[in-house]
PDB file of N, CA and C in Angstrom:
ATOM      1  N   UNK A   1     -17.396  54.295 -28.110  1.00  0.00           N
ATOM      2  CA  UNK A   1     -17.579  55.506 -27.921  1.00  0.00           C
ATOM      3  C   UNK A   1     -18.678  56.148 -29.654  1.00  0.00           C
ATOM      4  N   UNK A   2     -18.340  55.262 -30.620  1.00  0.00           N
ATOM      5  CA  UNK A   2     -19.199  55.557 -31.957  1.00  0.00           C
ATOM      6  C   UNK A   2     -20.845  55.246 -31.576  1.00  0.00           C
ATOM      7  N   UNK A   3     -21.121  54.331 -30.794  1.00  0.00           N
ATOM      8  CA  UNK A   3     -22.295  54.192 -30.373  1.00  0.00           C
ATOM      9  C   UNK A   3     -23.145  54.871 -29.940  1.00  0.00           C
ATOM     10  N   UNK A   4     -22.388  55.977 -28.660  1.00  0.00           N
ATOM     11  CA  UNK A   4     -22.703  56.760 -28.102  1.00  0.00           C
ATOM     12  C   UNK A   4     -23.076  58.181 -28.948  1.00  0.00           C
ATOM     13  N   UNK A   5     -21.976  58.023 -29.688  1.00  0.00           N
ATOM     14  CA  UNK A   5     -21.896  59.436 -30.172  1.00  0.00           C
ATOM     15  C   UNK A   5     -23.119  59.351 -31.400  1.00  0.00           C
ATOM     16  N   UNK A   6     -23.351  58.412 -32.360  1.00  0.00           N
ATOM     17  CA  UNK A   6     -24.586  57.972 -32.814  1.00  0.00           C
ATOM     18  C   UNK A   6     -25.765  58.292 -32.147  1.00  0.00           C
ATOM     19  N   UNK A   7     -25.846  57.922 -30.801  1.00  0.00           N
ATOM     20  CA  UNK A   7     -27.380  58.224 -30.183  1.00  0.00           C
ATOM     21  C   UNK A   7     -27.109  59.394 -29.670  1.00  0.00           C
ATOM     22  N   UNK A   8     -25.957  59.989 -29.178  1.00  0.00           N
ATOM     23  CA  UNK A   8     -26.464  61.912 -28.821  1.00  0.00           C
ATOM     24  C   UNK A   8     -26.866  62.422 -29.968  1.00  0.00           C
ATOM     25  N   UNK A   9     -26.006  62.058 -31.389  1.00  0.00           N
ATOM     26  CA  UNK A   9     -26.666  62.796 -32.742  1.00  0.00           C
ATOM     27  C   UNK A   9     -28.311  62.792 -32.534  1.00  0.00           C
ATOM     28  N   UNK A  10     -28.173  61.365 -32.746  1.00  0.00           N
ATOM     29  CA  UNK A  10     -30.086  60.935 -32.903  1.00  0.00           C
ATOM     30  C   UNK A  10     -30.859  61.687 -32.138  1.00  0.00           C
ATOM     31  N   UNK A  11     -30.659  62.005 -30.897  1.00  0.00           N
ATOM     32  CA  UNK A  11     -31.301  62.675 -30.172  1.00  0.00           C
ATOM     33  C   UNK A  11     -31.286  64.068 -30.179  1.00  0.00           C
ATOM     34  N   UNK A  12     -30.148  64.297 -30.164  1.00  0.00           N
ATOM     35  CA  UNK A  12     -30.032  65.992 -30.577  1.00  0.00           C
ATOM     36  C   UNK A  12     -30.607  66.388 -31.927  1.00  0.00           C
ATOM     37  N   UNK A  13     -30.448  65.754 -32.819  1.00  0.00           N
ATOM     38  CA  UNK A  13     -31.193  65.820 -34.227  1.00  0.00           C
ATOM     39  C   UNK A  13     -32.672  66.082 -34.082  1.00  0.00           C
ATOM     40  N   UNK A  14     -33.213  65.290 -33.325  1.00  0.00           N
ATOM     41  CA  UNK A  14     -34.875  64.926 -32.813  1.00  0.00           C
ATOM     42  C   UNK A  14     -35.131  65.805 -31.850  1.00  0.00           C
ATOM     43  N   UNK A  15     -34.467  66.509 -31.214  1.00  0.00           N
ATOM     44  CA  UNK A  15     -34.583  67.821 -30.126  1.00  0.00           C
ATOM     45  C   UNK A  15     -34.376  68.715 -30.931  1.00  0.00           C
ATOM     46  N   UNK A  16     -33.732  68.831 -32.182  1.00  0.00           N
ATOM     47  CA  UNK A  16     -33.620  70.614 -32.918  1.00  0.00           C
ATOM     48  C   UNK A  16     -35.278  70.615 -33.347  1.00  0.00           C
ATOM     49  N   UNK A  17     -35.732  69.100 -34.202  1.00  0.00           N
ATOM     50  CA  UNK A  17     -36.948  69.210 -34.552  1.00  0.00           C
ATOM     51  C   UNK A  17     -38.239  69.489 -33.682  1.00  0.00           C
ATOM     52  N   UNK A  18     -37.973  69.851 -32.764  1.00  0.00           N
ATOM     53  CA  UNK A  18     -39.245  69.270 -31.550  1.00  0.00           C
ATOM     54  C   UNK A  18     -39.939  70.886 -31.723  1.00  0.00           C
ATOM     55  N   UNK A  19     -39.015  71.640 -31.802  1.00  0.00           N
ATOM     56  CA  UNK A  19     -39.604  72.984 -31.852  1.00  0.00           C
ATOM     57  C   UNK A  19     -40.270  73.967 -33.093  1.00  0.00           C
ATOM     58  N   UNK A  20     -40.053  72.740 -34.332  1.00  0.00           N
ATOM     59  CA  UNK A  20     -40.956  73.174 -35.484  1.00  0.00           C
ATOM     60  C   UNK A  20     -42.419  73.299 -35.271  1.00  0.00           C
ATOM     61  N   UNK A  21     -42.597  73.916 -36.148  1.00  0.00           N
ATOM     62  CA  UNK A  21     -43.947  74.083 -36.542  1.00  0.00           C
ATOM     63  C   UNK A  21     -44.959  72.835 -36.590  1.00  0.00           C
ATOM     64  N   UNK A  22     -44.272  72.052 -37.615  1.00  0.00           N
ATOM     65  CA  UNK A  22     -44.950  70.926 -37.571  1.00  0.00           C
ATOM     66  C   UNK A  22     -45.076  69.579 -36.536  1.00  0.00           C
ATOM     67  N   UNK A  23     -43.959  69.745 -35.845  1.00  0.00           N
ATOM     68  CA  UNK A  23     -44.176  68.923 -34.393  1.00  0.00           C
ATOM     69  C   UNK A  23     -44.984  69.901 -33.365  1.00  0.00           C
ATOM     70  N   UNK A  24     -44.911  70.890 -32.922  1.00  0.00           N
ATOM     71  CA  UNK A  24     -45.955  71.668 -32.093  1.00  0.00           C
ATOM     72  C   UNK A  24     -47.390  70.933 -32.688  1.00  0.00           C
ATOM     73  N   UNK A  25     -47.762  71.075 -34.129  1.00  0.00           N
ATOM     74  CA  UNK A  25     -48.614  70.953 -34.794  1.00  0.00           C
ATOM     75  C   UNK A  25     -49.101  69.167 -34.046  1.00  0.00           C
ATOM     76  N   UNK A  26     -47.875  68.569 -34.445  1.00  0.00           N
ATOM     77  CA  UNK A  26     -48.321  66.859 -33.966  1.00  0.00           C
ATOM     78  C   UNK A  26     -48.599  66.949 -32.673  1.00  0.00           C
ATOM     79  N   UNK A  27     -48.403  67.620 -31.681  1.00  0.00           N
ATOM     80  CA  UNK A  27     -48.268  67.290 -30.339  1.00  0.00           C
ATOM     81  C   UNK A  27     -49.732  67.736 -29.790  1.00  0.00           C
ATOM     82  N   UNK A  28     -49.934  68.984 -30.844  1.00  0.00           N
ATOM     83  CA  UNK A  28     -51.245  69.672 -30.530  1.00  0.00           C
ATOM     84  C   UNK A  28     -52.373  68.282 -30.895  1.00  0.00           C
ATOM     85  N   UNK A  29     -52.273  67.774 -31.831  1.00  0.00           N
ATOM     86  CA  UNK A  29     -53.261  66.863 -32.346  1.00  0.00           C
ATOM     87  C   UNK A  29     -53.159  65.811 -31.650  1.00  0.00           C
ATOM     88  N   UNK A  30     -51.914  64.916 -31.037  1.00  0.00           N
ATOM     89  CA  UNK A  30     -52.099  64.049 -29.553  1.00  0.00           C
ATOM     90  C   UNK A  30     -52.823  64.509 -28.637  1.00  0.00           C
ATOM     91  N   UNK A  31     -52.285  65.580 -28.319  1.00  0.00           N
ATOM     92  CA  UNK A  31     -53.256  65.852 -27.177  1.00  0.00           C
ATOM     93  C   UNK A  31     -55.028  65.635 -27.202  1.00  0.00           C
ATOM     94  N   UNK A  32     -55.238  66.285 -27.854  1.00  0.00           N
ATOM     95  CA  UNK A  32     -56.590  66.092 -28.526  1.00  0.00           C
ATOM     96  C   UNK A  32     -56.960  64.933 -28.497  1.00  0.00           C
ATOM     97  N   UNK A  33     -55.897  64.248 -29.515  1.00  0.00           N
ATOM     98  CA  UNK A  33     -56.528  62.750 -29.550  1.00  0.00           C
ATOM     99  C   UNK A  33     -56.633  62.207 -28.034  1.00  0.00           C
ATOM    100  N   UNK A  34     -55.282  62.465 -27.361  1.00  0.00           N
ATOM    101  CA  UNK A  34     -55.468  61.461 -26.128  1.00  0.00           C
ATOM    102  C   UNK A  34     -56.440  62.304 -24.998  1.00  0.00           C
ATOM    103  N   UNK A  35     -57.245  62.803 -24.824  1.00  0.00           N
ATOM    104  CA  UNK A  35     -57.921  63.628 -24.112  1.00  0.00           C
ATOM    105  C   UNK A  35     -59.039  64.058 -24.376  1.00  0.00           C
ATOM    106  N   UNK A  36     -60.137  63.453 -23.901  1.00  0.00           N
ATOM    107  CA  UNK A  36     -61.651  63.444 -24.471  1.00  0.00           C
ATOM    108  C   UNK A  36     -62.153  63.370 -23.320  1.00  0.00           C
ATOM    109  N   UNK A  37     -63.466  64.604 -22.773  1.00  0.00           N
ATOM    110  CA  UNK A  37     -64.275  64.970 -21.661  1.00  0.00           C
ATOM    111  C   UNK A  37     -63.472  64.419 -20.975  1.00  0.00           C
ATOM    112  N   UNK A  38     -62.072  64.970 -20.184  1.00  0.00           N
ATOM    113  CA  UNK A  38     -61.427  64.709 -19.090  1.00  0.00           C
ATOM    114  C   UNK A  38     -60.838  63.981 -18.944  1.00  0.00           C
ATOM    115  N   UNK A  39     -60.797  62.898 -19.862  1.00  0.00           N
ATOM    116  CA  UNK A  39     -60.602  61.233 -19.970  1.00  0.00           C
ATOM    117  C   UNK A  39     -59.136  61.406 -20.859  1.00  0.00           C
ATOM    118  N   UNK A  40     -58.346  60.571 -20.707  1.00  0.00           N
ATOM    119  CA  UNK A  40     -57.157  59.892 -20.679  1.00  0.00           C
ATOM    120  C   UNK A  40     -57.509  58.713 -21.950  1.00  0.00           C
ATOM    121  N   UNK A  41     -57.662  59.026 -23.319  1.00  0.00           N
ATOM    122  CA  UNK A  41     -57.451  57.632 -24.155  1.00  0.00           C
ATOM    123  C   UNK A  41     -56.824  57.164 -23.997  1.00  0.00           C
ATOM    124  N   UNK A  42     -56.152  56.140 -23.344  1.00  0.00           N
ATOM    125  CA  UNK A  42     -54.914  55.273 -23.572  1.00  0.00           C
ATOM    126  C   UNK A  42     -54.836  54.169 -25.022  1.00  0.00           C
ATOM    127  N   UNK A  43     -56.289  54.074 -25.506  1.00  0.00           N
ATOM    128  CA  UNK A  43     -56.312  53.034 -26.783  1.00  0.00           C
ATOM    129  C   UNK A  43     -56.174  53.813 -27.766  1.00  0.00           C
ATOM    130  N   UNK A  44     -56.209  54.967 -27.844  1.00  0.00           N
ATOM    131  CA  UNK A  44     -55.630  56.202 -29.209  1.00  0.00           C
ATOM    132  C   UNK A  44     -53.797  55.749 -29.019  1.00  0.00           C
ATOM    133  N   UNK A  45     -53.335  55.446 -28.387  1.00  0.00           N
ATOM    134  CA  UNK A  45     -51.871  56.044 -28.164  1.00  0.00           C
ATOM    135  C   UNK A  45     -51.172  54.813 -29.342  1.00  0.00           C
ATOM    136  N   UNK A  46     -51.428  53.528 -29.586  1.00  0.00           N
ATOM    137  CA  UNK A  46     -50.924  53.133 -31.030  1.00  0.00           C
ATOM    138  C   UNK A  46     -50.598  54.213 -32.053  1.00  0.00           C
ATOM    139  N   UNK A  47     -52.540  54.518 -32.494  1.00  0.00           N
ATOM    140  CA  UNK A  47     -52.499  55.295 -33.706  1.00  0.00           C
ATOM    141  C   UNK A  47     -51.897  56.928 -33.662  1.00  0.00           C
ATOM    142  N   UNK A  48     -51.872  57.223 -32.121  1.00  0.00           N
ATOM    143  CA  UNK A  48     -50.720  58.571 -32.113  1.00  0.00           C
ATOM    144  C   UNK A  48     -49.568  58.273 -32.809  1.00  0.00           C
ATOM    145  N   UNK A  49     -48.982  57.226 -31.872  1.00  0.00           N
ATOM    146  CA  UNK A  49     -47.332  56.904 -32.241  1.00  0.00           C
ATOM    147  C   UNK A  49     -47.106  56.617 -33.758  1.00  0.00           C
ATOM    148  N   UNK A  50     -48.070  55.837 -34.271  1.00  0.00           N
ATOM    149  CA  UNK A  50     -47.995  55.465 -36.047  1.00  0.00           C
ATOM    150  C   UNK A  50     -48.181  56.376 -36.894  1.00  0.00           C
ATOM    151  N   UNK A  51     -49.170  57.618 -36.281  1.00  0.00           N
ATOM    152  CA  UNK A  51     -49.313  58.959 -36.666  1.00  0.00           C
ATOM    153  C   UNK A  51     -48.435  59.624 -36.715  1.00  0.00           C
ATOM    154  N   UNK A  52     -47.808  59.911 -35.812  1.00  0.00           N
ATOM    155  CA  UNK A  52     -46.860  60.663 -35.503  1.00  0.00           C
ATOM    156  C   UNK A  52     -45.620  60.428 -36.236  1.00  0.00           C
ATOM    157  N   UNK A  53     -45.019  59.098 -36.042  1.00  0.00           N
ATOM    158  CA  UNK A  53     -43.991  58.495 -36.768  1.00  0.00           C
ATOM    159  C   UNK A  53     -43.959  58.684 -38.351  1.00  0.00           C
ATOM    160  N   UNK A  54     -45.336  58.679 -39.130  1.00  0.00           N
ATOM    161  CA  UNK A  54     -45.327  58.715 -40.448  1.00  0.00           C
ATOM    162  C   UNK A  54     -45.102  60.024 -40.879  1.00  0.00           C
ATOM    163  N   UNK A  55     -45.803  60.683 -39.733  1.00  0.00           N
ATOM    164  CA  UNK A  55     -45.509  62.431 -40.487  1.00  0.00           C
ATOM    165  C   UNK A  55     -44.436  62.614 -40.155  1.00  0.00           C
ATOM    166  N   UNK A  56     -43.310  62.083 -39.328  1.00  0.00           N
ATOM    167  CA  UNK A  56     -42.260  62.839 -38.921  1.00  0.00           C
ATOM    168  C   UNK A  56     -41.233  62.377 -39.773  1.00  0.00           C
ATOM    169  N   UNK A  57     -41.562  60.799 -40.484  1.00  0.00           N
ATOM    170  CA  UNK A  57     -40.942  60.292 -41.343  1.00  0.00           C
ATOM    171  C   UNK A  57     -40.685  60.948 -42.842  1.00  0.00           C
ATOM    172  N   UNK A  58     -41.978  61.199 -43.053  1.00  0.00           N
ATOM    173  CA  UNK A  58     -42.467  62.338 -44.265  1.00  0.00           C
ATOM    174  C   UNK A  58     -41.551  63.873 -44.256  1.00  0.00           C
ATOM    175  N   UNK A  59     -41.831  64.026 -43.034  1.00  0.00           N
ATOM    176  CA  UNK A  59     -41.403  65.761 -43.084  1.00  0.00           C
ATOM    177  C   UNK A  59     -39.856  65.413 -42.763  1.00  0.00           C
ATOM    178  N   UNK A  60     -39.273  64.610 -42.635  1.00  0.00           N
ATOM    179  CA  UNK A  60     -37.471  64.175 -42.551  1.00  0.00           C
ATOM    180  C   UNK A  60     -37.148  63.450 -42.939  1.00  0.00           C
ATOM    181  N   UNK A  61     -37.235  63.353 -44.813  1.00  0.00           N
ATOM    182  CA  UNK A  61     -36.686  62.320 -45.447  1.00  0.00           C
ATOM    183  C   UNK A  61     -35.062  62.104 -44.989  1.00  0.00           C
ATOM    184  N   UNK A  62     -34.448  62.980 -44.298  1.00  0.00           N
ATOM    185  CA  UNK A  62     -33.292  61.751 -44.304  1.00  0.00           C
ATOM    186  C   UNK A  62     -32.698  61.697 -42.797  1.00  0.00           C
ATOM    187  N   UNK A  63     -33.758  61.564 -42.488  1.00  0.00           N
ATOM    188  CA  UNK A  63     -33.750  60.686 -40.816  1.00  0.00           C
ATOM    189  C   UNK A  63     -33.763  59.460 -40.699  1.00  0.00           C
ATOM    190  N   UNK A  64     -33.028  58.720 -40.048  1.00  0.00           N
ATOM    191  CA  UNK A  64     -32.923  57.357 -40.263  1.00  0.00           C
ATOM    192  C   UNK A  64     -33.939  57.041 -39.310  1.00  0.00           C
ATOM    193  N   UNK A  65     -34.415  55.624 -39.345  1.00  0.00           N
ATOM    194  CA  UNK A  65     -35.747  54.717 -38.540  1.00  0.00           C
ATOM    195  C   UNK A  65     -35.340  55.226 -37.026  1.00  0.00           C
ATOM    196  N   UNK A  66     -34.424  55.139 -36.098  1.00  0.00           N
ATOM    197  CA  UNK A  66     -34.371  55.308 -34.925  1.00  0.00           C
ATOM    198  C   UNK A  66     -34.700  56.698 -34.864  1.00  0.00           C
ATOM    199  N   UNK A  67     -33.904  57.830 -35.892  1.00  0.00           N
ATOM    200  CA  UNK A  67     -34.591  59.358 -35.393  1.00  0.00           C
ATOM    201  C   UNK A  67     -36.232  59.523 -35.182  1.00  0.00           C
ATOM    202  N   UNK A  68     -36.783  59.099 -36.223  1.00  0.00           N
ATOM    203  CA  UNK A  68     -38.077  59.099 -36.219  1.00  0.00           C
ATOM    204  C   UNK A  68     -38.407  58.603 -35.218  1.00  0.00           C
ATOM    205  N   UNK A  69     -38.465  57.238 -34.579  1.00  0.00           N
ATOM    206  CA  UNK A  69     -39.113  56.635 -33.809  1.00  0.00           C
ATOM    207  C   UNK A  69     -38.663  57.885 -32.425  1.00  0.00           C
ATOM    208  N   UNK A  70     -37.358  58.277 -32.154  1.00  0.00           N
ATOM    209  CA  UNK A  70     -37.080  58.911 -31.013  1.00  0.00           C
ATOM    210  C   UNK A  70     -37.822  60.067 -31.187  1.00  0.00           C
ATOM    211  N   UNK A  71     -37.611  60.915 -32.025  1.00  0.00           N
ATOM    212  CA  UNK A  71     -38.831  62.005 -32.468  1.00  0.00           C
ATOM    213  C   UNK A  71     -39.953  61.990 -32.081  1.00  0.00           C
ATOM    214  N   UNK A  72     -40.780  61.037 -32.697  1.00  0.00           N
ATOM    215  CA  UNK A  72     -42.055  60.385 -31.936  1.00  0.00           C
ATOM    216  C   UNK A  72     -42.480  60.083 -30.778  1.00  0.00           C
ATOM    217  N   UNK A  73     -41.391  59.504 -29.871  1.00  0.00           N
ATOM    218  CA  UNK A  73     -41.900  59.484 -28.883  1.00  0.00           C
ATOM    219  C   UNK A  73     -41.440  60.701 -27.695  1.00  0.00           C
ATOM    220  N   UNK A  74     -40.628  61.920 -28.360  1.00  0.00           N
ATOM    221  CA  UNK A  74     -40.257  62.433 -27.730  1.00  0.00           C
ATOM    222  C   UNK A  74     -41.509  63.683 -27.873  1.00  0.00           C
ATOM    223  N   UNK A  75     -42.416  63.873 -28.738  1.00  0.00           N
ATOM    224  CA  UNK A  75     -43.537  64.308 -29.003  1.00  0.00           C
ATOM    225  C   UNK A  75     -44.470  64.174 -28.346  1.00  0.00           C
ATOM    226  N   UNK A  76     -44.935  62.380 -27.865  1.00  0.00           N
ATOM    227  CA  UNK A  76     -45.520  61.556 -27.710  1.00  0.00           C
ATOM    228  C   UNK A  76     -45.399  62.050 -25.947  1.00  0.00           C
ATOM    229  N   UNK A  77     -43.975  62.295 -25.459  1.00  0.00           N
ATOM    230  CA  UNK A  77     -44.181  62.382 -24.195  1.00  0.00           C
ATOM    231  C   UNK A  77     -44.212  63.908 -23.684  1.00  0.00           C
ATOM    232  N   UNK A  78     -44.006  65.143 -24.838  1.00  0.00           N
ATOM    233  CA  UNK A  78     -44.742  66.207 -24.797  1.00  0.00           C
ATOM    234  C   UNK A  78     -46.210  66.470 -24.535  1.00  0.00           C
ATOM    235  N   UNK A  79     -46.485  65.400 -25.360  1.00  0.00           N
ATOM    236  CA  UNK A  79     -47.884  65.572 -25.265  1.00  0.00           C
ATOM    237  C   UNK A  79     -48.613  64.906 -23.854  1.00  0.00           C
ATOM    238  N   UNK A  80     -47.842  64.191 -23.001  1.00  0.00           N
ATOM    239  CA  UNK A  80     -48.153  63.983 -21.947  1.00  0.00           C
ATOM    240  C   UNK A  80     -47.915  64.917 -20.828  1.00  0.00           C
ATOM    241  N   UNK A  81     -47.159  65.273 -21.410  1.00  0.00           N
ATOM    242  CA  UNK A  81     -46.592  66.391 -20.094  1.00  0.00           C
ATOM    243  C   UNK A  81     -46.990  67.390 -20.336  1.00  0.00           C
ATOM    244  N   UNK A  82     -48.277  68.144 -21.594  1.00  0.00           N
ATOM    245  CA  UNK A  82     -49.127  69.057 -21.249  1.00  0.00           C
ATOM    246  C   UNK A  82     -49.904  68.939 -20.896  1.00  0.00           C
ATOM    247  N   UNK A  83     -50.135  67.510 -21.011  1.00  0.00           N
ATOM    248  CA  UNK A  83     -52.069  66.978 -20.095  1.00  0.00           C
ATOM    249  C   UNK A  83     -51.495  66.750 -18.960  1.00  0.00           C
ATOM    250  N   UNK A  84     -50.765  66.783 -18.529  1.00  0.00           N
ATOM    251  CA  UNK A  84     -49.891  66.035 -16.951  1.00  0.00           C
ATOM    252  C   UNK A  84     -50.374  68.000 -16.375  1.00  0.00           C
ATOM    253  N   UNK A  85     -49.522  68.603 -16.798  1.00  0.00           N
ATOM    254  CA  UNK A  85     -49.486  69.890 -16.400  1.00  0.00           C
ATOM    255  C   UNK A  85     -50.811  70.754 -15.975  1.00  0.00           C
ATOM    256  N   UNK A  86     -51.644  70.061 -17.272  1.00  0.00           N
ATOM    257  CA  UNK A  86     -53.044  70.932 -17.211  1.00  0.00           C
ATOM    258  C   UNK A  86     -53.795  70.251 -16.626  1.00  0.00           C
ATOM    259  N   UNK A  87     -53.276  69.430 -15.675  1.00  0.00           N
ATOM    260  CA  UNK A  87     -54.400  68.414 -14.642  1.00  0.00           C
ATOM    261  C   UNK A  87     -54.282  68.637 -13.818  1.00  0.00           C
ATOM    262  N   UNK A  88     -55.503  68.469 -12.795  1.00  0.00           N
ATOM    263  CA  UNK A  88     -55.426  68.188 -11.648  1.00  0.00           C
ATOM    264  C   UNK A  88     -55.680  66.638 -10.976  1.00  0.00           C
ATOM    265  N   UNK A  89     -54.108  66.456 -10.748  1.00  0.00           N
ATOM    266  CA  UNK A  89     -53.948  64.804 -10.300  1.00  0.00           C
ATOM    267  C   UNK A  89     -54.082  64.109  -9.170  1.00  0.00           C
ATOM    268  N   UNK A  90     -55.286  63.537  -8.937  1.00  0.00           N
ATOM    269  CA  UNK A  90     -55.404  62.427  -8.076  1.00  0.00           C
ATOM    270  C   UNK A  90     -54.855  61.670  -7.660  1.00  0.00           C
ATOM    271  N   UNK A  91     -55.452  60.692  -7.035  1.00  0.00           N
ATOM    272  CA  UNK A  91     -54.613  59.364  -6.575  1.00  0.00           C
ATOM    273  C   UNK A  91     -54.370  58.624  -7.557  1.00  0.00           C
ATOM    274  N   UNK A  92     -53.097  58.595  -7.486  1.00  0.00           N
ATOM    275  CA  UNK A  92     -52.469  57.480  -8.616  1.00  0.00           C
ATOM    276  C   UNK A  92     -52.255  56.342  -7.573  1.00  0.00           C
ATOM    277  N   UNK A  93     -52.934  54.956  -8.902  1.00  0.00           N
ATOM    278  CA  UNK A  93     -52.778  53.859  -7.791  1.00  0.00           C
ATOM    279  C   UNK A  93     -51.665  53.078  -8.855  1.00  0.00           C
ATOM    280  N   UNK A  94     -50.720  52.921  -7.710  1.00  0.00           N
ATOM    281  CA  UNK A  94     -49.310  52.655  -8.014  1.00  0.00           C
ATOM    282  C   UNK A  94     -49.321  50.775  -8.863  1.00  0.00           C
ATOM    283  N   UNK A  95     -50.727  50.042  -8.221  1.00  0.00           N
ATOM    284  CA  UNK A  95     -50.917  48.757  -8.987  1.00  0.00           C
ATOM    285  C   UNK A  95     -51.216  49.046 -10.476  1.00  0.00           C
ATOM    286  N   UNK A  96     -51.261  49.941 -11.064  1.00  0.00           N
ATOM    287  CA  UNK A  96     -51.863  50.466 -12.322  1.00  0.00           C
ATOM    288  C   UNK A  96     -50.751  50.445 -13.053  1.00  0.00           C
ATOM    289  N   UNK A  97     -49.382  50.501 -12.504  1.00  0.00           N
ATOM    290  CA  UNK A  97     -48.046  50.807 -13.567  1.00  0.00           C
ATOM    291  C   UNK A  97     -47.758  49.035 -14.480  1.00  0.00           C
ATOM    292  N   UNK A  98     -48.364  48.241 -14.189  1.00  0.00           N
ATOM    293  CA  UNK A  98     -48.015  47.082 -14.831  1.00  0.00           C
ATOM    294  C   UNK A  98     -48.590  47.171 -16.134  1.00  0.00           C
ATOM    295  N   UNK A  99     -50.468  47.817 -16.086  1.00  0.00           N
ATOM    296  CA  UNK A  99     -51.111  47.612 -16.722  1.00  0.00           C
ATOM    297  C   UNK A  99     -50.991  48.795 -17.961  1.00  0.00           C
ATOM    298  N   UNK A 100     -50.169  50.239 -17.441  1.00  0.00           N
ATOM    299  CA  UNK A 100     -49.937  50.979 -18.372  1.00  0.00           C
ATOM    300  C   UNK A 100     -48.428  51.004 -18.956  1.00  0.00           C
ATOM    301  N   UNK A 101     -47.814  49.840 -18.889  1.00  0.00           N
ATOM    302  CA  UNK A 101     -46.460  49.461 -18.801  1.00  0.00           C
ATOM    303  C   UNK A 101     -46.643  48.686 -20.273  1.00  0.00           C
ATOM    304  N   UNK A 102     -47.767  47.918 -20.124  1.00  0.00           N
ATOM    305  CA  UNK A 102     -48.070  46.885 -21.410  1.00  0.00           C
ATOM    306  C   UNK A 102     -48.815  47.312 -22.516  1.00  0.00           C
ATOM    307  N   UNK A 103     -49.481  48.994 -21.421  1.00  0.00           N
ATOM    308  CA  UNK A 103     -50.140  49.602 -22.698  1.00  0.00           C
ATOM    309  C   UNK A 103     -49.056  50.115 -23.463  1.00  0.00           C
ATOM    310  N   UNK A 104     -48.325  50.794 -23.278  1.00  0.00           N
ATOM    311  CA  UNK A 104     -47.247  51.422 -24.111  1.00  0.00           C
ATOM    312  C   UNK A 104     -46.405  50.416 -24.789  1.00  0.00           C
ATOM    313  N   UNK A 105     -45.959  49.586 -24.323  1.00  0.00           N
ATOM    314  CA  UNK A 105     -45.475  48.312 -25.037  1.00  0.00           C
ATOM    315  C   UNK A 105     -45.758  47.936 -26.105  1.00  0.00           C
ATOM    316  N   UNK A 106     -47.648  47.394 -26.143  1.00  0.00           N
ATOM    317  CA  UNK A 106     -48.224  47.186 -26.890  1.00  0.00           C
ATOM    318  C   UNK A 106     -48.351  48.077 -28.132  1.00  0.00           C
ATOM    319  N   UNK A 107     -48.476  49.501 -27.802  1.00  0.00           N
ATOM    320  CA  UNK A 107     -48.345  50.489 -28.842  1.00  0.00           C
ATOM    321  C   UNK A 107     -47.319  50.029 -29.443  1.00  0.00           C
ATOM    322  N   UNK A 108     -46.343  50.393 -28.420  1.00  0.00           N
ATOM    323  CA  UNK A 108     -44.564  50.401 -29.401  1.00  0.00           C
ATOM    324  C   UNK A 108     -44.593  49.117 -30.737  1.00  0.00           C
ATOM    325  N   UNK A 109     -45.219  48.025 -29.926  1.00  0.00           N
ATOM    326  CA  UNK A 109     -45.102  46.305 -30.945  1.00  0.00           C
ATOM    327  C   UNK A 109     -46.035  46.885 -32.027  1.00  0.00           C
ATOM    328  N   UNK A 110     -46.851  47.637 -31.905  1.00  0.00           N
ATOM    329  CA  UNK A 110     -48.015  47.534 -33.454  1.00  0.00           C
ATOM    330  C   UNK A 110     -46.997  48.639 -34.159  1.00  0.00           C
ATOM    331  N   UNK A 111     -46.383  49.656 -33.937  1.00  0.00           N
ATOM    332  CA  UNK A 111     -46.199  50.729 -34.379  1.00  0.00           C
ATOM    333  C   UNK A 111     -44.652  49.964 -34.773  1.00  0.00           C
ATOM    334  N   UNK A 112     -43.682  49.475 -34.911  1.00  0.00           N
ATOM    335  CA  UNK A 112     -42.757  48.372 -35.319  1.00  0.00           C
ATOM    336  C   UNK A 112     -42.978  47.263 -35.852  1.00  0.00           C
ATOM    337  N   UNK A 113     -43.687  46.932 -36.054  1.00  0.00           N
ATOM    338  CA  UNK A 113     -44.639  45.890 -36.949  1.00  0.00           C
ATOM    339  C   UNK A 113     -44.325  44.744 -35.869  1.00  0.00           C
TER     340      UNK A 113
END
């Protein structure tokens, strides 16, 4: 139960920071970095996650490493939801899921060192 309580606390702390002006600014910046000329630039993902993680860490000095990563991922998810909600989604190639999961896994591996 202790690990579950700790995880719940981590998520709650991160969610509470998600509506802060600094988080909104980071999400807006991430959207701008991820979209160029109407195309999503997945190659920018590692830098975006790294930049958000560094910024969250600097703005929340008491946050644990886990809280920083959860916060960064919530902000990236928010940016992606913003992009999807503003898009006209056409055909989605189900066979590209493996490629996208690899991109995300590699982005996280770069950020985590």
